[in-house]
């Protein structure tokens, strides 16, 4: 899976859209803002809005 963009969904907030490198399936995933391995917001904000 590779990150391809960013979307905002009602009730779920910002989500990173990942695309499977083998089949092309796209899957949105919520951002992790706290915890042991939070998402890098600088990197996320560099993704295009879909």
N, C-alpha and C. Protein backbone atom coordinates (compact mmCIF):
# COMPACT_ATOMS: atom_id res chain seq x y z
N UNK A 1 0.84 -1.17 0.00
CA UNK A 1 0.00 0.00 0.00
C UNK A 1 0.89 1.24 0.00
N UNK A 2 0.46 2.23 -0.79
CA UNK A 2 1.18 3.50 -0.83
C UNK A 2 0.19 4.64 -0.65
N UNK A 3 0.57 5.69 0.07
CA UNK A 3 -0.34 6.82 0.24
C UNK A 3 -0.46 7.60 -1.07
N UNK A 4 -1.70 7.93 -1.47
CA UNK A 4 -1.91 8.65 -2.73
C UNK A 4 -2.64 9.97 -2.56
N UNK A 5 -3.27 10.20 -1.41
CA UNK A 5 -4.00 11.45 -1.24
C UNK A 5 -4.64 11.57 0.12
N UNK A 6 -5.34 12.67 0.28
CA UNK A 6 -5.97 13.01 1.54
C UNK A 6 -7.42 13.37 1.29
N UNK A 7 -8.32 12.89 2.14
CA UNK A 7 -9.75 13.23 2.06
C UNK A 7 -10.23 13.62 3.44
N UNK A 8 -11.36 14.33 3.48
CA UNK A 8 -11.99 14.66 4.76
C UNK A 8 -13.39 14.05 4.73
N UNK A 9 -13.69 13.22 5.72
CA UNK A 9 -14.98 12.57 5.80
C UNK A 9 -15.73 13.05 7.02
N UNK A 10 -17.02 13.28 6.85
CA UNK A 10 -17.87 13.74 7.95
C UNK A 10 -17.83 12.75 9.10
N UNK A 11 -17.55 13.24 10.29
CA UNK A 11 -17.53 12.39 11.47
C UNK A 11 -16.24 11.63 11.69
N UNK A 12 -15.39 11.55 10.67
CA UNK A 12 -14.13 10.80 10.80
C UNK A 12 -12.91 11.67 10.63
N UNK A 13 -13.09 12.89 10.16
CA UNK A 13 -11.98 13.81 9.99
C UNK A 13 -11.13 13.47 8.77
N UNK A 14 -9.87 13.90 8.82
CA UNK A 14 -8.96 13.67 7.71
C UNK A 14 -8.58 12.19 7.64
N UNK A 15 -8.48 11.70 6.41
CA UNK A 15 -8.06 10.33 6.18
C UNK A 15 -7.07 10.29 5.03
N UNK A 16 -6.06 9.44 5.18
CA UNK A 16 -5.08 9.21 4.12
C UNK A 16 -5.60 8.06 3.26
N UNK A 17 -5.64 8.28 1.95
CA UNK A 17 -6.07 7.24 1.03
C UNK A 17 -4.83 6.48 0.57
N UNK A 18 -4.86 5.16 0.77
CA UNK A 18 -3.77 4.29 0.33
C UNK A 18 -4.23 3.48 -0.87
N UNK A 19 -3.31 3.20 -1.79
CA UNK A 19 -3.60 2.38 -2.97
C UNK A 19 -2.67 1.17 -2.96
N UNK A 20 -3.27 0.00 -3.18
CA UNK A 20 -2.49 -1.24 -3.25
C UNK A 20 -1.62 -1.20 -4.50
N UNK A 21 -0.34 -1.50 -4.35
CA UNK A 21 0.57 -1.48 -5.49
C UNK A 21 0.39 -2.68 -6.39
N UNK A 22 -0.30 -3.72 -5.91
CA UNK A 22 -0.53 -4.92 -6.73
C UNK A 22 -1.82 -4.84 -7.54
N UNK A 23 -2.93 -4.43 -6.88
CA UNK A 23 -4.23 -4.49 -7.57
C UNK A 23 -4.89 -3.13 -7.78
N UNK A 24 -4.39 -2.08 -7.13
CA UNK A 24 -4.94 -0.75 -7.31
C UNK A 24 -6.09 -0.40 -6.38
N UNK A 25 -6.49 -1.32 -5.50
CA UNK A 25 -7.58 -1.05 -4.55
C UNK A 25 -7.21 0.15 -3.68
N UNK A 26 -8.19 1.04 -3.46
CA UNK A 26 -7.97 2.22 -2.61
C UNK A 26 -8.69 2.06 -1.30
N UNK A 27 -8.03 2.46 -0.20
CA UNK A 27 -8.58 2.32 1.14
C UNK A 27 -8.26 3.57 1.96
N UNK A 28 -9.29 4.31 2.44
CA UNK A 28 -9.01 5.44 3.33
C UNK A 28 -8.74 4.97 4.75
N UNK A 29 -7.80 5.60 5.43
CA UNK A 29 -7.44 5.26 6.80
C UNK A 29 -7.33 6.54 7.62
N UNK A 30 -7.92 6.52 8.82
CA UNK A 30 -7.86 7.69 9.69
C UNK A 30 -6.43 7.99 10.11
N UNK A 31 -6.17 9.27 10.35
CA UNK A 31 -4.86 9.68 10.83
C UNK A 31 -4.68 9.25 12.28
N UNK A 32 -3.46 8.89 12.62
CA UNK A 32 -3.10 8.58 14.00
C UNK A 32 -2.36 9.80 14.52
N UNK A 33 -2.97 10.48 15.50
CA UNK A 33 -2.38 11.72 16.00
C UNK A 33 -1.67 11.53 17.33
N UNK A 34 -1.99 10.47 18.05
CA UNK A 34 -1.37 10.23 19.36
C UNK A 34 -0.95 8.77 19.43
N UNK A 35 -0.14 8.45 20.43
CA UNK A 35 0.26 7.08 20.64
C UNK A 35 1.72 6.85 20.32
N UNK A 36 2.08 5.59 20.16
CA UNK A 36 3.47 5.21 19.97
C UNK A 36 4.00 5.59 18.59
N UNK A 37 3.14 5.57 17.56
CA UNK A 37 3.60 5.86 16.20
C UNK A 37 2.62 6.78 15.48
N UNK A 38 2.58 8.08 15.86
CA UNK A 38 1.65 9.00 15.19
C UNK A 38 2.09 9.29 13.76
N UNK A 39 1.13 9.64 12.91
CA UNK A 39 1.44 10.00 11.53
C UNK A 39 2.19 11.33 11.50
N UNK A 40 3.09 11.46 10.54
CA UNK A 40 3.88 12.68 10.35
C UNK A 40 3.00 13.70 9.62
N UNK A 41 2.52 14.73 10.33
CA UNK A 41 1.60 15.70 9.73
C UNK A 41 2.24 16.47 8.58
N UNK A 42 3.54 16.73 8.63
CA UNK A 42 4.21 17.41 7.53
C UNK A 42 4.13 16.58 6.26
N UNK A 43 4.33 15.28 6.38
CA UNK A 43 4.26 14.39 5.24
C UNK A 43 2.82 14.28 4.74
N UNK A 44 1.87 14.15 5.65
CA UNK A 44 0.45 14.04 5.28
C UNK A 44 -0.02 15.28 4.54
N UNK A 45 0.37 16.47 5.02
CA UNK A 45 -0.06 17.70 4.38
C UNK A 45 0.56 17.89 3.00
N UNK A 46 1.59 17.13 2.68
CA UNK A 46 2.19 17.16 1.35
C UNK A 46 1.44 16.33 0.32
N UNK A 47 0.47 15.53 0.78
CA UNK A 47 -0.33 14.71 -0.14
C UNK A 47 -1.40 15.56 -0.79
N UNK A 48 -1.79 15.22 -2.03
CA UNK A 48 -2.85 15.99 -2.70
C UNK A 48 -4.22 15.67 -2.11
N UNK A 49 -5.13 16.67 -2.12
CA UNK A 49 -6.52 16.45 -1.70
C UNK A 49 -7.24 15.75 -2.83
N UNK A 50 -7.98 14.73 -2.50
CA UNK A 50 -8.76 13.99 -3.51
C UNK A 50 -10.22 14.35 -3.42
